[in-house]
C-alpha atoms as a PDB file:
ATOM      1  CA  MET A   1      -8.832  35.426  11.150  1.00  0.00           C
ATOM      2  CA  VAL A   2      -8.362  33.997   7.486  1.00  0.00           C
ATOM      3  CA  CYS A   3     -10.773  32.268   5.078  1.00  0.00           C
ATOM      4  CA  VAL A   4      -9.247  29.670   3.140  1.00  0.00           C
ATOM      5  CA  VAL A   5     -10.189  26.919   0.178  1.00  0.00           C
ATOM      6  CA  LYS A   6      -8.345  23.849  -0.575  1.00  0.00           C
ATOM      7  CA  ALA A   7      -5.933  24.715  -3.415  1.00  0.00           C
ATOM      8  CA  ASP A   8      -7.139  22.930  -6.390  1.00  0.00           C
ATOM      9  CA  THR A   9     -10.484  24.622  -6.580  1.00  0.00           C
ATOM     10  CA  PRO A  10     -11.295  27.311  -9.172  1.00  0.00           C
ATOM     11  CA  TYR A  11     -11.903  29.984  -7.044  1.00  0.00           C
ATOM     12  CA  LYS A  12      -8.544  32.406  -6.556  1.00  0.00           C
ATOM     13  CA  THR A  13      -9.788  35.186  -5.258  1.00  0.00           C
ATOM     14  CA  ILE A  14     -12.658  36.562  -2.926  1.00  0.00           C
ATOM     15  CA  LYS A  15     -14.329  38.095  -5.506  1.00  0.00           C
ATOM     16  CA  ASP A  16     -14.739  34.501  -7.472  1.00  0.00           C
ATOM     17  CA  LEU A  17     -16.073  32.786  -3.988  1.00  0.00           C
ATOM     18  CA  LEU A  18     -18.757  35.028  -2.996  1.00  0.00           C
ATOM     19  CA  THR A  19     -19.415  35.670  -6.402  1.00  0.00           C
ATOM     20  CA  ALA A  20     -20.075  31.792  -7.081  1.00  0.00           C
ATOM     21  CA  ILE A  21     -22.074  31.312  -3.324  1.00  0.00           C
ATOM     22  CA  GLN A  22     -24.216  34.368  -4.781  1.00  0.00           C
ATOM     23  CA  THR A  23     -25.346  32.982  -7.878  1.00  0.00           C
ATOM     24  CA  GLN A  24     -25.266  29.209  -7.296  1.00  0.00           C
ATOM     25  CA  PRO A  25     -27.450  29.302  -3.967  1.00  0.00           C
ATOM     26  CA  ASP A  26     -26.773  26.032  -1.857  1.00  0.00           C
ATOM     27  CA  LYS A  27     -23.840  24.701  -4.229  1.00  0.00           C
ATOM     28  CA  LEU A  28     -21.118  25.889  -1.732  1.00  0.00           C
ATOM     29  CA  ASN A  29     -20.678  24.984   1.472  1.00  0.00           C
ATOM     30  CA  HIS A  30     -18.651  25.591   4.401  1.00  0.00           C
ATOM     31  CA  ALA A  31     -16.906  24.394   7.711  1.00  0.00           C
ATOM     32  CA  THR A  32     -17.531  25.598  11.123  1.00  0.00           C
ATOM     33  CA  ALA A  33     -16.798  24.101  14.891  1.00  0.00           C
ATOM     34  CA  GLY A  34     -19.995  24.816  15.493  1.00  0.00           C
ATOM     35  CA  THR A  35     -23.196  27.122  15.093  1.00  0.00           C
ATOM     36  CA  ALA A  36     -22.238  30.950  16.382  1.00  0.00           C
ATOM     37  CA  MET A  37     -18.209  29.498  16.649  1.00  0.00           C
ATOM     38  CA  THR A  38     -16.198  31.853  15.351  1.00  0.00           C
ATOM     39  CA  GLN A  39     -15.910  30.231  12.675  1.00  0.00           C
ATOM     40  CA  HIS A  40     -19.732  30.426  11.719  1.00  0.00           C
ATOM     41  CA  LEU A  41     -19.953  34.181  12.894  1.00  0.00           C
ATOM     42  CA  ALA A  42     -17.311  34.982  10.602  1.00  0.00           C
ATOM     43  CA  VAL A  43     -18.487  33.472   7.115  1.00  0.00           C
ATOM     44  CA  GLU A  44     -21.830  34.754   8.567  1.00  0.00           C
ATOM     45  CA  VAL A  45     -19.982  38.349   8.765  1.00  0.00           C
ATOM     46  CA  LEU A  46     -17.803  38.322   5.268  1.00  0.00           C
ATOM     47  CA  LEU A  47     -20.895  37.205   3.402  1.00  0.00           C
ATOM     48  CA  ARG A  48     -23.023  40.500   5.078  1.00  0.00           C
ATOM     49  CA  ALA A  49     -20.476  42.770   3.787  1.00  0.00           C
ATOM     50  CA  PRO A  50     -21.807  42.242  -0.255  1.00  0.00           C
ATOM     51  CA  ASN A  51     -25.246  41.054   0.995  1.00  0.00           C
ATOM     52  CA  ILE A  52     -25.346  37.824   0.038  1.00  0.00           C
ATOM     53  CA  SER A  53     -28.089  35.903   2.212  1.00  0.00           C
ATOM     54  CA  SER A  54     -27.297  33.570   4.678  1.00  0.00           C
ATOM     55  CA  SER A  55     -28.954  30.802   3.121  1.00  0.00           C
ATOM     56  CA  ASN A  56     -26.749  30.721   0.200  1.00  0.00           C
ATOM     57  CA  THR A  57     -24.241  28.808   1.347  1.00  0.00           C
ATOM     58  CA  VAL A  58     -24.750  25.714   3.356  1.00  0.00           C
ATOM     59  CA  GLN A  59     -23.069  25.322   7.261  1.00  0.00           C
ATOM     60  CA  ILE A  60     -21.519  22.328   8.124  1.00  0.00           C
ATOM     61  CA  PRO A  61     -20.693  22.401  11.478  1.00  0.00           C
ATOM     62  CA  TYR A  62     -17.740  19.827  12.848  1.00  0.00           C
ATOM     63  CA  LYS A  63     -16.713  18.523  16.642  1.00  0.00           C
ATOM     64  CA  GLY A  64     -13.557  21.069  15.935  1.00  0.00           C
ATOM     65  CA  GLY A  65     -11.409  23.385  14.393  1.00  0.00           C
ATOM     66  CA  GLY A  66      -8.946  20.151  12.996  1.00  0.00           C
ATOM     67  CA  GLU A  67     -12.051  18.276  11.663  1.00  0.00           C
ATOM     68  CA  ALA A  68     -13.264  21.666  10.075  1.00  0.00           C
ATOM     69  CA  THR A  69     -10.253  21.728   8.969  1.00  0.00           C
ATOM     70  CA  ALA A  70      -9.601  18.255   6.969  1.00  0.00           C
ATOM     71  CA  ALA A  71     -13.566  18.271   5.660  1.00  0.00           C
ATOM     72  CA  VAL A  72     -11.974  21.409   3.222  1.00  0.00           C
ATOM     73  CA  LEU A  73      -8.658  19.505   2.272  1.00  0.00           C
ATOM     74  CA  SER A  74     -10.925  16.566   1.784  1.00  0.00           C
ATOM     75  CA  GLY A  75     -13.091  18.356  -0.453  1.00  0.00           C
ATOM     76  CA  GLN A  76     -16.089  17.532   2.101  1.00  0.00           C
ATOM     77  CA  VAL A  77     -16.469  20.666   2.670  1.00  0.00           C
ATOM     78  CA  GLN A  78     -15.549  24.190  -0.239  1.00  0.00           C
ATOM     79  CA  PHE A  79     -14.664  26.983   2.554  1.00  0.00           C
ATOM     80  CA  LEU A  80     -13.537  27.691   5.754  1.00  0.00           C
ATOM     81  CA  CYS A  81     -12.736  30.572   7.823  1.00  0.00           C
ATOM     82  CA  ASN A  82     -10.517  30.481  11.014  1.00  0.00           C
ATOM     83  CA  ASN A  83      -7.631  31.568  12.984  1.00  0.00           C
ATOM     84  CA  LEU A  84      -4.984  32.060  10.757  1.00  0.00           C
ATOM     85  CA  PRO A  85      -2.227  30.043  13.861  1.00  0.00           C
ATOM     86  CA  THR A  86      -4.151  27.086  13.354  1.00  0.00           C
ATOM     87  CA  LEU A  87      -3.996  27.075   9.101  1.00  0.00           C
ATOM     88  CA  VAL A  88      -0.615  28.905   8.758  1.00  0.00           C
ATOM     89  CA  GLY A  89       1.161  25.196   7.897  1.00  0.00           C
ATOM     90  CA  GLN A  90      -1.287  23.857   5.433  1.00  0.00           C
ATOM     91  CA  ILE A  91      -1.022  27.650   3.480  1.00  0.00           C
ATOM     92  CA  LYS A  92       2.236  27.399   3.454  1.00  0.00           C
ATOM     93  CA  GLU A  93       2.635  23.913   2.549  1.00  0.00           C
ATOM     94  CA  GLY A  94       0.184  25.311  -0.903  1.00  0.00           C
ATOM     95  CA  THR A  95      -2.531  22.484   0.272  1.00  0.00           C
ATOM     96  CA  MET A  96      -4.765  25.662   1.049  1.00  0.00           C
ATOM     97  CA  ARG A  97      -4.957  29.145  -0.555  1.00  0.00           C
ATOM     98  CA  ALA A  98      -5.519  31.805   1.812  1.00  0.00           C
ATOM     99  CA  PHE A  99      -7.898  34.568   0.371  1.00  0.00           C
ATOM    100  CA  VAL A 100      -8.510  36.880   2.803  1.00  0.00           C
ATOM    101  CA  THR A 101      -7.399  37.931   6.787  1.00  0.00           C
ATOM    102  CA  SER A 102      -9.403  39.673   8.506  1.00  0.00           C
ATOM    103  CA  THR A 103      -6.020  41.983   9.044  1.00  0.00           C
ATOM    104  CA  THR A 104      -6.254  45.725   8.629  1.00  0.00           C
ATOM    105  CA  GLU A 105      -3.074  45.690   6.815  1.00  0.00           C
ATOM    106  CA  ARG A 106      -1.430  42.184   4.544  1.00  0.00           C
ATOM    107  CA  LEU A 107       0.353  40.328   6.979  1.00  0.00           C
ATOM    108  CA  ASN A 108       4.570  39.970   5.855  1.00  0.00           C
ATOM    109  CA  GLU A 109       4.175  36.356   6.747  1.00  0.00           C
ATOM    110  CA  PHE A 110       2.047  36.275   3.324  1.00  0.00           C
ATOM    111  CA  PRO A 111       2.542  39.529   1.511  1.00  0.00           C
ATOM    112  CA  ASP A 112       0.195  37.772  -1.334  1.00  0.00           C
ATOM    113  CA  VAL A 113      -3.234  37.675   0.550  1.00  0.00           C
ATOM    114  CA  PRO A 114      -5.006  41.112   1.198  1.00  0.00           C
ATOM    115  CA  SER A 115      -6.173  42.333   4.373  1.00  0.00           C
ATOM    116  CA  ALA A 116     -10.374  41.989   4.700  1.00  0.00           C
ATOM    117  CA  ARG A 117     -10.671  45.895   3.951  1.00  0.00           C
ATOM    118  CA  ARG A 118      -8.287  45.706   0.680  1.00  0.00           C
ATOM    119  CA  ALA A 119     -10.350  42.689  -0.654  1.00  0.00           C
ATOM    120  CA  GLY A 120     -13.741  44.534  -0.236  1.00  0.00           C
ATOM    121  CA  VAL A 121     -15.328  42.766   2.686  1.00  0.00           C
ATOM    122  CA  GLY A 122     -13.959  46.012   5.395  1.00  0.00           C
ATOM    123  CA  PRO A 123     -15.878  44.331   8.286  1.00  0.00           C
ATOM    124  CA  LEU A 124     -15.047  41.422   8.552  1.00  0.00           C
ATOM    125  CA  GLU A 125     -11.425  43.355  10.249  1.00  0.00           C
ATOM    126  CA  GLN A 126     -14.234  42.933  13.122  1.00  0.00           C
ATOM    127  CA  VAL A 127     -13.821  39.005  13.535  1.00  0.00           C
ATOM    128  CA  THR A 128     -10.617  38.181  15.736  1.00  0.00           C
ATOM    129  CA  GLY A 129      -9.234  36.098  17.777  1.00  0.00           C
ATOM    130  CA  TRP A 130      -8.072  37.270  21.140  1.00  0.00           C
ATOM    131  CA  SER A 131      -7.331  37.232  25.138  1.00  0.00           C
ATOM    132  CA  GLY A 132      -7.933  39.419  27.894  1.00  0.00           C
ATOM    133  CA  LEU A 133      -6.161  39.341  31.528  1.00  0.00           C
ATOM    134  CA  TYR A 134      -9.067  40.191  33.911  1.00  0.00           C
ATOM    135  CA  GLY A 135      -9.842  39.984  37.438  1.00  0.00           C
ATOM    136  CA  PRO A 136     -11.931  40.136  40.510  1.00  0.00           C
ATOM    137  CA  PRO A 137     -14.211  43.841  40.710  1.00  0.00           C
ATOM    138  CA  GLY A 138     -12.334  46.035  43.073  1.00  0.00           C
ATOM    139  CA  LEU A 139      -8.763  44.210  42.164  1.00  0.00           C
ATOM    140  CA  PRO A 140      -5.954  46.705  44.123  1.00  0.00           C
ATOM    141  CA  VAL A 141      -4.190  49.622  42.286  1.00  0.00           C
ATOM    142  CA  GLU A 142      -1.054  47.770  43.053  1.00  0.00           C
ATOM    143  CA  VAL A 143      -1.506  44.577  41.684  1.00  0.00           C
ATOM    144  CA  MET A 144      -3.545  45.927  38.407  1.00  0.00           C
ATOM    145  CA  ASN A 145       0.323  48.142  37.468  1.00  0.00           C
ATOM    146  CA  LYS A 146       2.201  45.153  38.267  1.00  0.00           C
ATOM    147  CA  TRP A 147       0.483  43.232  35.108  1.00  0.00           C
ATOM    148  CA  LYS A 148       0.937  46.262  33.314  1.00  0.00           C
ATOM    149  CA  GLU A 149       4.512  46.424  33.527  1.00  0.00           C
ATOM    150  CA  VAL A 150       4.602  42.990  33.344  1.00  0.00           C
ATOM    151  CA  LEU A 151       2.999  43.302  29.774  1.00  0.00           C
ATOM    152  CA  LYS A 152       4.798  45.810  29.208  1.00  0.00           C
ATOM    153  CA  LYS A 153       8.445  43.736  29.265  1.00  0.00           C
ATOM    154  CA  VAL A 154       6.459  41.197  27.416  1.00  0.00           C
ATOM    155  CA  ALA A 155       5.374  43.776  24.949  1.00  0.00           C
ATOM    156  CA  ASP A 156       9.402  44.876  24.110  1.00  0.00           C
ATOM    157  CA  ASP A 157      10.858  41.252  24.443  1.00  0.00           C
ATOM    158  CA  PRO A 158      11.834  40.718  20.073  1.00  0.00           C
ATOM    159  CA  ASP A 159      11.005  36.674  21.181  1.00  0.00           C
ATOM    160  CA  TRP A 160       7.622  37.240  21.665  1.00  0.00           C
ATOM    161  CA  HIS A 161       7.227  39.131  18.904  1.00  0.00           C
ATOM    162  CA  LYS A 162       8.905  37.058  16.205  1.00  0.00           C
ATOM    163  CA  ALA A 163       7.587  33.519  18.093  1.00  0.00           C
ATOM    164  CA  ASN A 164       3.770  35.620  17.245  1.00  0.00           C
ATOM    165  CA  MET A 165       4.979  36.095  13.989  1.00  0.00           C
ATOM    166  CA  ASN A 166       6.462  32.937  12.945  1.00  0.00           C
ATOM    167  CA  MET A 167       2.570  31.470  13.649  1.00  0.00           C
ATOM    168  CA  GLY A 168       0.663  34.132  11.550  1.00  0.00           C
ATOM    169  CA  ALA A 169      -0.153  35.694  14.934  1.00  0.00           C
ATOM    170  CA  ILE A 170      -0.335  39.531  15.097  1.00  0.00           C
ATOM    171  CA  ALA A 171       0.871  40.306  18.903  1.00  0.00           C
ATOM    172  CA  THR A 172      -1.223  44.072  20.457  1.00  0.00           C
ATOM    173  CA  LEU A 173      -1.086  44.368  24.176  1.00  0.00           C
ATOM    174  CA  ARG A 174      -3.561  47.143  24.818  1.00  0.00           C
ATOM    175  CA  SER A 175      -4.487  49.378  27.490  1.00  0.00           C
ATOM    176  CA  LEU A 176      -6.845  48.925  30.016  1.00  0.00           C
ATOM    177  CA  SER A 177      -9.406  51.886  28.680  1.00  0.00           C
ATOM    178  CA  ASP A 178      -8.765  50.507  24.877  1.00  0.00           C
ATOM    179  CA  THR A 179      -9.008  46.922  26.633  1.00  0.00           C
ATOM    180  CA  GLU A 180     -12.402  47.987  27.635  1.00  0.00           C
ATOM    181  CA  LYS A 181     -13.920  49.476  24.845  1.00  0.00           C
ATOM    182  CA  PHE A 182     -12.625  46.953  22.478  1.00  0.00           C
ATOM    183  CA  ALA A 183     -14.150  43.790  24.683  1.00  0.00           C
ATOM    184  CA  ARG A 184     -17.409  46.340  24.878  1.00  0.00           C
ATOM    185  CA  ASP A 185     -17.078  47.122  20.255  1.00  0.00           C
ATOM    186  CA  GLN A 186     -16.673  43.051  20.566  1.00  0.00           C
ATOM    187  CA  PHE A 187     -19.604  41.878  22.540  1.00  0.00           C
ATOM    188  CA  GLU A 188     -21.668  44.801  20.864  1.00  0.00           C
ATOM    189  CA  LEU A 189     -20.622  43.019  17.427  1.00  0.00           C
ATOM    190  CA  TYR A 190     -22.166  39.658  18.090  1.00  0.00           C
ATOM    191  CA  GLU A 191     -25.217  40.554  20.025  1.00  0.00           C
ATOM    192  CA  LYS A 192     -26.523  41.954  17.047  1.00  0.00           C
ATOM    193  CA  LEU A 193     -25.151  39.158  14.739  1.00  0.00           C
ATOM    194  CA  GLY A 194     -26.807  36.878  17.291  1.00  0.00           C
ATOM    195  CA  THR A 195     -29.961  38.169  17.325  1.00  0.00           C
ATOM    196  CA  ALA A 196     -30.023  39.026  13.398  1.00  0.00           C
ATOM    197  CA  LEU A 197     -29.023  35.064  13.128  1.00  0.00           C
ATOM    198  CA  GLY A 198     -32.127  34.127  15.709  1.00  0.00           C
ATOM    199  CA  LEU A 199     -28.804  32.724  18.401  1.00  0.00           C
ATOM    200  CA  ARG A 200     -30.772  34.555  21.045  1.00  0.00           C
ATOM    201  CA  LYS A 201     -32.013  31.959  23.933  1.00  0.00           C
END
């Protein structure tokens, strides 16, 4: 994930933005692709790091990430947190300013953009786009082993790593046990957040 503003706004750092949100309630709003979508929850995690109330900034939901991005560029909203690969073009072109990524380290493609921990919003590291490979219960061991073999080849493919790097994605393949732990941690994160925000039905 990456949090951005339109490049010509006065906010130069994530601290500038958070200070404005804290001291000027309701003045700044943010775009999302809808309540409980990743863009929304990323902002909630971001605000909770310095104990800023969710009510200090207004969520403006759009039909999708593309519309949300356009809303920032047109000045309809002040900021957005979204998957980095969808914003790489605007950041490189200089139409958007990136404040922070949810990565544990700075990205080679964006050395001037601090990681979440470096920017003082460490909990944002937990918010990331990811995919998992799942099968039905009782999947035969030979099928699982075949998938492990295929994924190992992918992990060793320099072209795959280069393609991910070019679009601002971080290539990570986890073991079965690590995947289970990661998915469980993600579930617990959003379950607690959903409960705190009253999103559970």
